[in-house]
Structure formats: C-alpha cells, structure tokens
Amino acid sequence: MQPPGNAVHFTRLIAERAQYRFELHGHTSSGNRRFISSARAGKMRCPGFPASLHLQDVPDCVHPEGNIPSSCEQATITVGAGVDLKLRQRHYWGGPDWIPAFARWTRVEGSFGIMKSPNDGGGVRRGWTHQVGLVKTAFALAVYIAAQNLRRLLDWAARTGDTRDPLTGIDVTNHGFVELDAHGRPLAGIPPPDAA
C-alpha cells in the first residue's frame, strides 16, 4: 500500500536529513556516547576527512572558507551521559523504525485522555483514590483499566452486534447497592432499590 503523498514527501526529507547526521559509534565505560561525523560514516564528502573526498553520489559538506570545524577533523565526538536525556529516543526521529512506534504512542496518549476525562472516563487525576502506597494505587489503576477495557468491548459489541466474545454477555446495569445483615437481609431502615 502506497502512503499518502505528504507521507512520501516526509520520508524523503527525513532520508535527506539523515545524510547529515552524525552516527553513533559506541559508548564509553562511563555511559558517554561517541559519534563519528557523516563523512567518516561514508555519507558525505568533507575536506576535514580527506578519505571521504573520493565518495560518489553523496553531498558535499560545506564550510566557510578555510574554517573546518574540529568535529569534522577529529575521530569521534563524545557526548556526556546526562546530556539531553529528555530528547533521546530509541529510534531516529521520522525514520522507518520511528513511524510505527510513534503511531502506537498516539493510541496510548488517547487512552490516557479517556482515563483523565471526567465525562467519558473515570476522572483519574492526582488524589483520585483515597489510599496511599504504590502497590495499592497501582492495583486500583489496574482494576480501573480492566473496567475501561470491558466498557470499550461492550460499547463495540453494542455498536457492531458482534457478541461472540463471552464477555459481551456481562450485565453491567447498575442494580443499586443494599447493605445486608449477617443473615443476608437488608439492614433495617434502608429501603430496597426498587422502592426508591
């Protein structure tokens, strides 16, 4: 399947930009990252790395007259382990591995939006549950997510008429709540739900 025209244009621009990108060359023992220039990676011709001048069908690295930066001449560039941690990604932004990963992320963000919505979701926010502790809060969130998944399944089954999944037969009607005594009878003074 051919992607839309703007997607083809986007991937072409990303591929062109990738020619100028410094490439990861490894890590130091302290966690710093080492990069080599695009000329050393064989993607450009640069006078700072004379061995690259014989390359064909690659762009030229343009510098001001007589001013070749040291990043083009030295073997590697070291970037500290703590630099731009928030901006680091597993895949190159816009590259072929990044696109499907980012598409999944948009679905995740949509789910977070539903969870936070006071109208469509459960209004999950800071202080949404009156308990403390990571284990208790994580368990409450897991139950909430399972309930949201069931709700989505039931909505989909009602919309499409497909009830092959056994979970679509669950009755989620709110029948009220009555507190019972030790013998299973409603506590005195609390009317049954149908009497209200």
Protein backbone atom coordinates (compact mmCIF):
# COMPACT_ATOMS: atom_id res chain seq x y z
CA MET A 1 0.00 0.00 0.00
CA GLN A 2 1.41 3.37 -1.05
CA PRO A 3 1.50 6.01 1.73
CA PRO A 4 -0.23 9.35 1.07
CA GLY A 5 1.70 11.98 -0.88
CA ASN A 6 2.61 14.05 2.16
CA ALA A 7 3.98 10.91 3.89
CA VAL A 8 6.19 10.16 0.86
CA HIS A 9 7.45 13.75 0.93
CA PHE A 10 8.10 13.49 4.70
CA THR A 11 10.09 10.25 4.41
CA ARG A 12 12.12 11.71 1.52
CA LEU A 13 13.02 14.77 3.63
CA ILE A 14 13.96 12.57 6.62
CA ALA A 15 16.20 10.40 4.40
CA GLU A 16 17.88 13.54 3.05
CA ARG A 17 18.40 14.91 6.56
CA ALA A 18 19.84 11.58 7.74
CA GLN A 19 22.80 12.06 5.36
CA TYR A 20 24.00 14.95 7.53
CA ARG A 21 23.52 13.17 10.84
CA PHE A 22 26.49 12.15 12.97
CA GLU A 23 26.32 8.39 13.63
CA LEU A 24 26.56 6.66 16.99
CA HIS A 25 29.91 4.89 17.21
CA GLY A 26 29.68 3.35 20.67
CA HIS A 27 29.67 4.11 24.38
CA THR A 28 32.40 4.74 26.90
CA SER A 29 32.66 2.85 30.18
CA SER A 30 31.09 5.83 31.98
CA GLY A 31 28.00 5.80 29.74
CA ASN A 32 29.00 8.65 27.44
CA ARG A 33 28.13 8.27 23.77
CA ARG A 34 30.64 8.57 20.94
CA PHE A 35 29.70 9.80 17.47
CA ILE A 36 31.52 9.94 14.15
CA SER A 37 30.95 12.59 11.51
CA SER A 38 28.78 11.88 8.49
CA ALA A 39 31.92 11.95 6.31
CA ARG A 40 33.57 9.21 8.39
CA ALA A 41 30.29 7.27 8.16
CA GLY A 42 30.56 7.43 4.33
CA LYS A 43 27.54 9.68 3.80
CA MET A 44 29.27 12.94 2.75
CA ARG A 45 32.43 14.36 1.21
CA CYS A 46 34.27 16.61 3.66
CA PRO A 47 37.76 18.17 3.50
CA GLY A 48 38.01 17.60 7.25
CA PHE A 49 38.21 13.87 6.48
CA PRO A 50 40.21 13.63 3.22
CA ALA A 51 39.46 9.90 2.74
CA SER A 52 35.82 10.85 2.07
CA LEU A 53 36.63 13.04 -0.94
CA HIS A 54 36.62 10.04 -3.30
CA LEU A 55 32.98 9.14 -2.46
CA GLN A 56 30.45 9.36 -5.29
CA ASP A 57 26.74 10.32 -5.24
CA VAL A 58 26.90 11.91 -1.79
CA PRO A 59 26.53 15.60 -0.87
CA ASP A 60 29.43 17.88 -0.01
CA CYS A 61 29.92 19.23 3.49
CA VAL A 62 30.09 23.00 3.01
CA HIS A 63 32.23 25.06 5.39
CA PRO A 64 33.17 28.73 5.46
CA GLU A 65 36.40 29.34 3.53
CA GLY A 66 39.32 27.86 5.46
CA ASN A 67 37.25 27.18 8.56
CA ILE A 68 36.78 23.43 9.04
CA PRO A 69 35.24 22.66 12.44
CA SER A 70 37.06 20.25 14.70
CA SER A 71 34.00 17.97 14.71
CA CYS A 72 34.80 17.14 11.07
CA GLU A 73 38.50 16.52 11.69
CA GLN A 74 38.59 14.53 14.92
CA ALA A 75 37.89 10.80 15.01
CA THR A 76 34.91 10.94 17.36
CA ILE A 77 32.82 13.36 19.38
CA THR A 78 31.90 12.39 22.93
CA VAL A 79 28.55 13.45 24.34
CA GLY A 80 28.06 13.15 28.09
CA ALA A 81 25.67 10.57 29.52
CA GLY A 82 23.49 13.27 31.09
CA VAL A 83 23.12 15.50 28.01
CA ASP A 84 19.59 15.86 26.57
CA LEU A 85 18.18 12.81 28.30
CA LYS A 86 14.62 14.01 27.66
CA LEU A 87 15.25 14.33 23.92
CA ARG A 88 16.85 10.93 23.40
CA GLN A 89 14.76 8.35 21.58
CA ARG A 90 15.31 4.71 20.78
CA HIS A 91 14.69 5.31 17.05
CA TYR A 92 15.81 8.16 14.80
CA TRP A 93 13.02 10.76 14.65
CA GLY A 94 11.00 10.33 11.46
CA GLY A 95 12.88 7.21 10.37
CA PRO A 96 11.25 3.94 9.26
CA ASP A 97 11.51 2.38 12.75
CA TRP A 98 10.22 5.53 14.47
CA ILE A 99 6.95 5.84 12.46
CA PRO A 100 5.21 2.66 13.72
CA ALA A 101 6.50 3.26 17.26
CA PHE A 102 5.08 6.79 17.21
CA ALA A 103 1.77 5.53 15.80
CA ARG A 104 1.42 3.25 18.83
CA TRP A 105 2.22 6.14 21.14
CA THR A 106 -0.68 8.22 19.77
CA ARG A 107 -3.06 5.40 20.75
CA VAL A 108 -1.55 5.30 24.23
CA GLU A 109 -1.99 9.06 24.63
CA GLY A 110 -5.61 8.75 23.50
CA SER A 111 -6.20 6.13 26.20
CA PHE A 112 -4.65 8.42 28.80
CA GLY A 113 -7.01 11.18 27.67
CA ILE A 114 -10.03 8.90 28.13
CA MET A 115 -8.81 7.88 31.60
CA LYS A 116 -8.42 11.52 32.68
CA SER A 117 -11.72 12.73 31.22
CA PRO A 118 -14.33 13.33 33.95
CA ASN A 119 -17.14 12.83 31.39
CA ASP A 120 -16.05 9.86 29.26
CA GLY A 121 -13.62 8.13 31.60
CA GLY A 122 -13.09 7.92 35.29
CA GLY A 123 -11.54 11.27 36.08
CA VAL A 124 -8.18 9.77 37.04
CA ARG A 125 -6.04 12.58 38.45
CA ARG A 126 -3.84 13.31 41.45
CA GLY A 127 -5.78 12.23 44.54
CA TRP A 128 -8.40 10.25 42.58
CA THR A 129 -8.18 7.42 45.06
CA HIS A 130 -8.14 7.81 48.84
CA GLN A 131 -5.33 5.42 49.66
CA VAL A 132 -1.59 5.68 49.83
CA GLY A 133 1.19 3.47 48.60
CA LEU A 134 2.40 2.48 45.17
CA VAL A 135 1.08 -1.09 45.38
CA LYS A 136 -2.45 -0.06 46.39
CA THR A 137 -2.61 2.75 43.85
CA ALA A 138 -1.22 0.55 41.07
CA PHE A 139 -3.76 -2.18 41.89
CA ALA A 140 -6.63 0.35 41.82
CA LEU A 141 -5.39 1.64 38.48
CA ALA A 142 -5.14 -1.91 37.08
CA VAL A 143 -8.76 -2.60 38.10
CA TYR A 144 -9.83 0.70 36.56
CA ILE A 145 -8.05 -0.09 33.25
CA ALA A 146 -9.65 -3.56 33.15
CA ALA A 147 -13.06 -1.94 33.67
CA GLN A 148 -12.37 0.58 30.90
CA ASN A 149 -11.33 -2.22 28.54
CA LEU A 150 -14.55 -4.09 29.34
CA ARG A 151 -16.55 -0.93 28.77
CA ARG A 152 -14.92 -0.40 25.36
CA LEU A 153 -15.61 -4.04 24.44
CA LEU A 154 -19.28 -3.74 25.43
CA ASP A 155 -19.65 -0.45 23.50
CA TRP A 156 -18.10 -2.06 20.43
CA ALA A 157 -20.32 -5.16 20.73
CA ALA A 158 -23.45 -3.00 21.02
CA ARG A 159 -22.39 -0.92 18.02
CA THR A 160 -21.45 -3.83 15.74
CA GLY A 161 -23.82 -6.51 17.04
CA ASP A 162 -20.90 -8.96 17.38
CA THR A 163 -21.39 -10.83 20.65
CA ARG A 164 -19.17 -13.85 20.03
CA ASP A 165 -16.87 -12.89 22.90
CA PRO A 166 -18.27 -14.32 26.16
CA LEU A 167 -17.50 -11.06 27.97
CA THR A 168 -20.10 -9.27 25.83
CA GLY A 169 -22.84 -11.15 27.72
CA ILE A 170 -21.99 -9.45 31.02
CA ASP A 171 -24.82 -7.41 32.54
CA VAL A 172 -23.35 -4.08 33.66
CA THR A 173 -26.66 -2.47 34.60
CA ASN A 174 -26.46 -0.64 37.91
CA HIS A 175 -28.91 -2.52 40.16
CA GLY A 176 -28.09 -0.40 43.17
CA PHE A 177 -26.47 -1.43 46.40
CA VAL A 178 -28.11 -2.65 49.58
CA GLU A 179 -26.16 -3.40 52.72
CA LEU A 180 -27.14 -6.77 54.17
CA ASP A 181 -27.04 -8.02 57.73
CA ALA A 182 -25.41 -11.25 58.88
CA HIS A 183 -28.45 -13.25 57.69
CA GLY A 184 -28.50 -11.79 54.18
CA ARG A 185 -31.47 -9.47 54.80
CA PRO A 186 -31.41 -5.71 54.11
CA LEU A 187 -30.44 -3.69 57.13
CA ALA A 188 -33.38 -2.01 58.90
CA GLY A 189 -34.26 1.45 57.68
CA ILE A 190 -32.64 1.04 54.21
CA PRO A 191 -35.31 0.63 51.51
CA PRO A 192 -34.67 -1.85 48.68
CA PRO A 193 -33.50 -0.32 45.35
CA ASP A 194 -36.88 -0.74 43.60
CA ALA A 195 -38.69 1.15 46.37
CA ALA A 196 -36.81 4.37 45.72
